[in-house]
Amino acid sequence: MSNELDDRVHLLKTIADATRLRILGLLADRPHSGRELADALGLSAATVSHHMHRLEGVGIVTATPDATRRVYTLNDGLLSHVRGSSPAAALSGIEDADHQRTVRIFFDGPRLRQIPAKRKARVSVLLELLRRFEAGRDYSEPEVNAILREAHDDVATLRRELIDYRYLTRSEGTYRVADAPPERHPNEAQEAPAGESAWLGALIRGAVQGA
C-alpha cells in the first residue's frame, strides 16, 4: 500500500507542471507525434523530448515507433486510476458540452483566436487558460504574462479577467490559483459552465495532495 501511495505521489508531482499538463491535454484528444506536440505548443523538439521522457517514466504516456517518429498516447487506464481528487481530474477540462464547444471555437491549438465579447464564452476561455497554471504555486507578473502570451498578445485583459472572476489571486505582485472555488451570485453563476466548482476543487485538492 505504501509503495502504491509513493508511486501515485511521484506521478502527481511529475504531471504538476504547466507544460506537461498542456501536453496531456492534447493527448487526451488524440495521439500526437513529438513534432506535432512541438508545433502545437511552440516548443523545441528537445524540450518536448525532455517532457515526454518524464511522462513516459511514470507511465502516464506510452510511445509507439512509427517509421522515423514516435507517436505518443495517453494512458487512460492510469489516468482513470488517479482521477477524481488529483490534478489528473483537470486534464480533460470541464465536462460540459457548451464549454467544450466554446473552447473548440475560440482556440486553435494553444493560441486563442480572439477574446470573446460575450461573458459566458469568455468565462470558458478563462477556465481553459487556467489549466496552464499550477495550483499551489506563486507566479510573478512577468511569469503570468509569459503564460498568457502563448495564447494571446492582450495579456493585460486576460490577466485582469482571471483576477476579476477570482480564478487567480494577486497580493503584493504575486499571483496564485485561488485556494477555493469562488462563490457566485446568481448573475455570475449564469455565466459559468456547469461543473466549474467541481473542476476547480479537483485542481486545488490535487495540488495539496501532490505537494
Protein backbone atom coordinates (compact mmCIF):
# COMPACT_ATOMS: atom_id res chain seq x y z
CA MET A 1 0.00 0.00 0.00
CA SER A 2 2.87 2.35 0.87
CA ASN A 3 4.57 1.68 -2.49
CA GLU A 4 1.33 2.37 -4.34
CA LEU A 5 0.93 5.66 -2.49
CA ASP A 6 4.55 6.62 -3.22
CA ASP A 7 4.03 5.85 -6.92
CA ARG A 8 0.89 7.98 -7.00
CA VAL A 9 2.64 10.92 -5.31
CA HIS A 10 5.52 10.63 -7.80
CA LEU A 11 3.04 10.61 -10.69
CA LEU A 12 1.21 13.68 -9.42
CA LYS A 13 4.44 15.61 -8.84
CA THR A 14 5.60 14.76 -12.35
CA ILE A 15 2.44 15.94 -14.10
CA ALA A 16 2.03 19.05 -11.89
CA ASP A 17 3.87 21.13 -14.47
CA ALA A 18 2.14 23.64 -16.76
CA THR A 19 3.79 22.37 -19.96
CA ARG A 20 3.16 18.71 -19.13
CA LEU A 21 -0.47 19.41 -18.34
CA ARG A 22 -0.82 21.07 -21.74
CA ILE A 23 0.82 18.05 -23.39
CA LEU A 24 -1.54 15.68 -21.61
CA GLY A 25 -4.47 17.87 -22.60
CA LEU A 26 -3.50 17.49 -26.27
CA LEU A 27 -3.03 13.74 -25.89
CA ALA A 28 -6.45 13.50 -24.25
CA ASP A 29 -7.91 14.46 -27.65
CA ARG A 30 -5.80 12.08 -29.77
CA PRO A 31 -2.29 10.61 -30.09
CA HIS A 32 0.40 13.05 -31.27
CA SER A 33 3.92 12.72 -32.63
CA GLY A 34 6.71 14.66 -30.99
CA ARG A 35 6.78 17.10 -33.92
CA GLU A 36 3.03 17.69 -33.67
CA LEU A 37 3.36 18.45 -29.96
CA ALA A 38 6.26 20.82 -30.57
CA ASP A 39 4.33 22.69 -33.27
CA ALA A 40 1.13 22.89 -31.20
CA LEU A 41 2.94 24.18 -28.11
CA GLY A 42 5.51 26.37 -29.81
CA LEU A 43 8.38 24.44 -28.19
CA SER A 44 11.62 22.98 -29.49
CA ALA A 45 11.83 19.26 -30.25
CA ALA A 46 14.44 18.88 -27.50
CA THR A 47 12.14 20.47 -24.90
CA VAL A 48 9.25 18.22 -25.88
CA SER A 49 11.52 15.18 -25.77
CA HIS A 50 12.57 16.07 -22.22
CA HIS A 51 8.97 16.34 -21.03
CA MET A 52 7.93 13.14 -22.82
CA HIS A 53 10.79 11.25 -21.18
CA ARG A 54 9.47 12.32 -17.76
CA LEU A 55 5.86 11.43 -18.64
CA GLU A 56 6.85 8.04 -20.05
CA GLY A 57 8.86 7.39 -16.90
CA VAL A 58 5.74 7.50 -14.71
CA GLY A 59 3.63 5.54 -17.22
CA ILE A 60 1.09 8.26 -17.98
CA VAL A 61 2.18 8.28 -21.65
CA THR A 62 3.21 5.46 -23.96
CA ALA A 63 5.29 5.83 -27.14
CA THR A 64 4.94 3.79 -30.32
CA PRO A 65 7.62 3.89 -33.06
CA ASP A 66 6.19 4.89 -36.44
CA ALA A 67 8.81 4.97 -39.20
CA THR A 68 11.22 7.77 -38.19
CA ARG A 69 8.99 9.26 -35.49
CA ARG A 70 7.44 8.32 -32.16
CA VAL A 71 3.70 8.65 -31.58
CA TYR A 72 2.61 9.35 -28.00
CA THR A 73 -0.65 8.13 -26.48
CA LEU A 74 -2.26 8.94 -23.14
CA ASN A 75 -2.50 6.00 -20.75
CA ASP A 76 -6.22 6.28 -19.96
CA GLY A 77 -6.10 3.35 -17.55
CA LEU A 78 -3.56 5.01 -15.28
CA LEU A 79 -5.31 8.36 -15.62
CA SER A 80 -8.61 6.83 -14.52
CA HIS A 81 -6.87 5.27 -11.51
CA VAL A 82 -5.88 8.64 -10.11
CA ARG A 83 -8.80 10.72 -11.41
CA GLY A 84 -11.26 12.29 -9.00
CA SER A 85 -9.24 14.27 -6.47
CA SER A 86 -5.99 14.95 -8.27
CA PRO A 87 -4.58 17.20 -11.00
CA ALA A 88 -5.49 14.42 -13.44
CA ALA A 89 -9.14 15.33 -12.94
CA ALA A 90 -8.40 18.66 -14.60
CA LEU A 91 -6.57 17.33 -17.64
CA SER A 92 -9.60 16.91 -19.87
CA GLY A 93 -11.20 20.14 -18.67
CA ILE A 94 -14.80 20.71 -17.68
CA GLU A 95 -17.17 18.05 -18.96
CA ASP A 96 -19.83 20.43 -20.21
CA ALA A 97 -20.85 20.34 -23.88
CA ASP A 98 -21.31 24.11 -24.24
CA HIS A 99 -17.97 24.81 -22.58
CA GLN A 100 -16.13 22.31 -24.77
CA ARG A 101 -17.77 23.69 -27.92
CA THR A 102 -16.69 27.22 -26.96
CA VAL A 103 -13.11 26.06 -26.44
CA ARG A 104 -13.07 24.40 -29.88
CA ILE A 105 -14.40 27.59 -31.50
CA PHE A 106 -12.04 30.07 -29.88
CA PHE A 107 -8.79 28.10 -29.66
CA ASP A 108 -6.52 26.99 -32.47
CA GLY A 109 -4.16 24.64 -30.68
CA PRO A 110 -2.57 26.67 -27.85
CA ARG A 111 -3.50 30.01 -29.45
CA LEU A 112 -6.65 31.98 -28.71
CA ARG A 113 -8.19 33.22 -31.96
CA GLN A 114 -9.84 36.16 -30.18
CA ILE A 115 -11.09 37.15 -26.74
CA PRO A 116 -14.86 36.52 -26.74
CA ALA A 117 -17.14 39.52 -26.33
CA LYS A 118 -19.91 37.51 -24.66
CA ARG A 119 -19.30 36.91 -20.99
CA LYS A 120 -20.27 33.24 -20.89
CA ALA A 121 -17.88 32.37 -23.70
CA ARG A 122 -15.19 34.49 -22.06
CA VAL A 123 -15.52 32.50 -18.82
CA SER A 124 -14.97 29.26 -20.72
CA VAL A 125 -11.85 30.73 -22.30
CA LEU A 126 -10.55 31.83 -18.89
CA LEU A 127 -11.07 28.36 -17.44
CA GLU A 128 -9.19 26.85 -20.37
CA LEU A 129 -6.32 29.26 -19.76
CA LEU A 130 -6.35 28.45 -16.06
CA ARG A 131 -5.31 24.88 -16.93
CA ARG A 132 -1.89 26.31 -17.82
CA PHE A 133 -1.25 27.36 -14.22
CA GLU A 134 -0.25 25.13 -11.31
CA ALA A 135 -2.36 25.37 -8.19
CA GLY A 136 -0.31 26.00 -5.06
CA ARG A 137 2.50 27.82 -6.87
CA ASP A 138 3.45 31.51 -6.71
CA TYR A 139 3.82 33.41 -10.00
CA SER A 140 5.34 36.81 -10.66
CA GLU A 141 3.51 39.10 -13.06
CA PRO A 142 6.08 38.52 -15.84
CA GLU A 143 5.56 34.75 -15.43
CA VAL A 144 1.78 35.17 -15.69
CA ASN A 145 2.23 37.36 -18.75
CA ALA A 146 4.53 34.82 -20.41
CA ILE A 147 2.00 32.01 -19.94
CA LEU A 148 -0.89 34.11 -21.24
CA ARG A 149 1.12 35.47 -24.17
CA GLU A 150 1.39 31.94 -25.51
CA ALA A 151 -2.36 32.19 -26.07
CA HIS A 152 -2.92 35.87 -26.96
CA ASP A 153 -0.99 39.13 -27.06
CA ASP A 154 -3.54 41.05 -24.93
CA VAL A 155 -2.18 39.67 -21.68
CA ALA A 156 -3.42 42.64 -19.63
CA THR A 157 -7.07 41.88 -20.42
CA LEU A 158 -6.71 38.16 -19.78
CA ARG A 159 -4.81 38.71 -16.52
CA ARG A 160 -7.41 41.21 -15.29
CA GLU A 161 -10.29 38.91 -16.16
CA LEU A 162 -8.70 35.95 -14.35
CA ILE A 163 -8.46 38.16 -11.27
CA ASP A 164 -11.96 39.62 -11.64
CA TYR A 165 -13.50 36.14 -11.91
CA ARG A 166 -11.43 35.10 -8.87
CA TYR A 167 -9.66 32.28 -10.65
CA LEU A 168 -6.32 33.89 -9.80
CA THR A 169 -5.50 35.92 -6.70
CA ARG A 170 -2.98 38.75 -6.54
CA SER A 171 -1.17 40.03 -3.46
CA GLU A 172 1.86 42.33 -3.50
CA GLY A 173 2.70 41.40 -7.06
CA THR A 174 2.37 37.63 -6.50
CA TYR A 175 -0.26 35.60 -8.33
CA ARG A 176 -1.73 32.21 -7.37
CA VAL A 177 -4.56 29.97 -8.45
CA ALA A 178 -7.38 30.67 -5.97
CA ASP A 179 -7.31 28.46 -2.88
CA ALA A 180 -11.03 27.65 -3.18
CA PRO A 181 -13.68 27.79 -5.90
CA PRO A 182 -15.29 31.24 -5.87
CA GLU A 183 -18.80 31.68 -4.55
CA ARG A 184 -21.01 33.02 -7.34
CA HIS A 185 -24.00 35.29 -7.06
CA PRO A 186 -26.88 34.32 -9.41
CA ASN A 187 -25.82 36.57 -12.30
CA GLU A 188 -22.25 35.26 -12.23
CA ALA A 189 -23.45 31.67 -11.90
CA GLN A 190 -25.33 32.00 -15.19
CA GLU A 191 -22.07 32.81 -16.95
CA ALA A 192 -20.07 29.90 -15.53
CA PRO A 193 -20.25 26.45 -17.17
CA ALA A 194 -21.73 23.53 -15.31
CA GLY A 195 -19.06 21.77 -13.29
CA GLU A 196 -16.94 24.88 -12.71
CA SER A 197 -16.80 24.47 -8.92
CA ALA A 198 -16.09 20.72 -9.00
CA TRP A 199 -13.34 21.13 -11.61
CA LEU A 200 -11.64 23.93 -9.70
CA GLY A 201 -11.93 21.93 -6.49
CA ALA A 202 -10.20 18.95 -8.09
CA LEU A 203 -7.40 21.18 -9.37
CA ILE A 204 -6.86 22.75 -5.95
CA ARG A 205 -7.10 19.48 -3.98
CA GLY A 206 -4.67 17.85 -6.39
CA ALA A 207 -2.05 20.50 -5.66
CA VAL A 208 -2.33 19.79 -1.94
CA GLN A 209 -2.07 16.03 -2.43
CA GLY A 210 0.87 16.29 -4.81
CA ALA A 211 2.87 18.60 -2.53
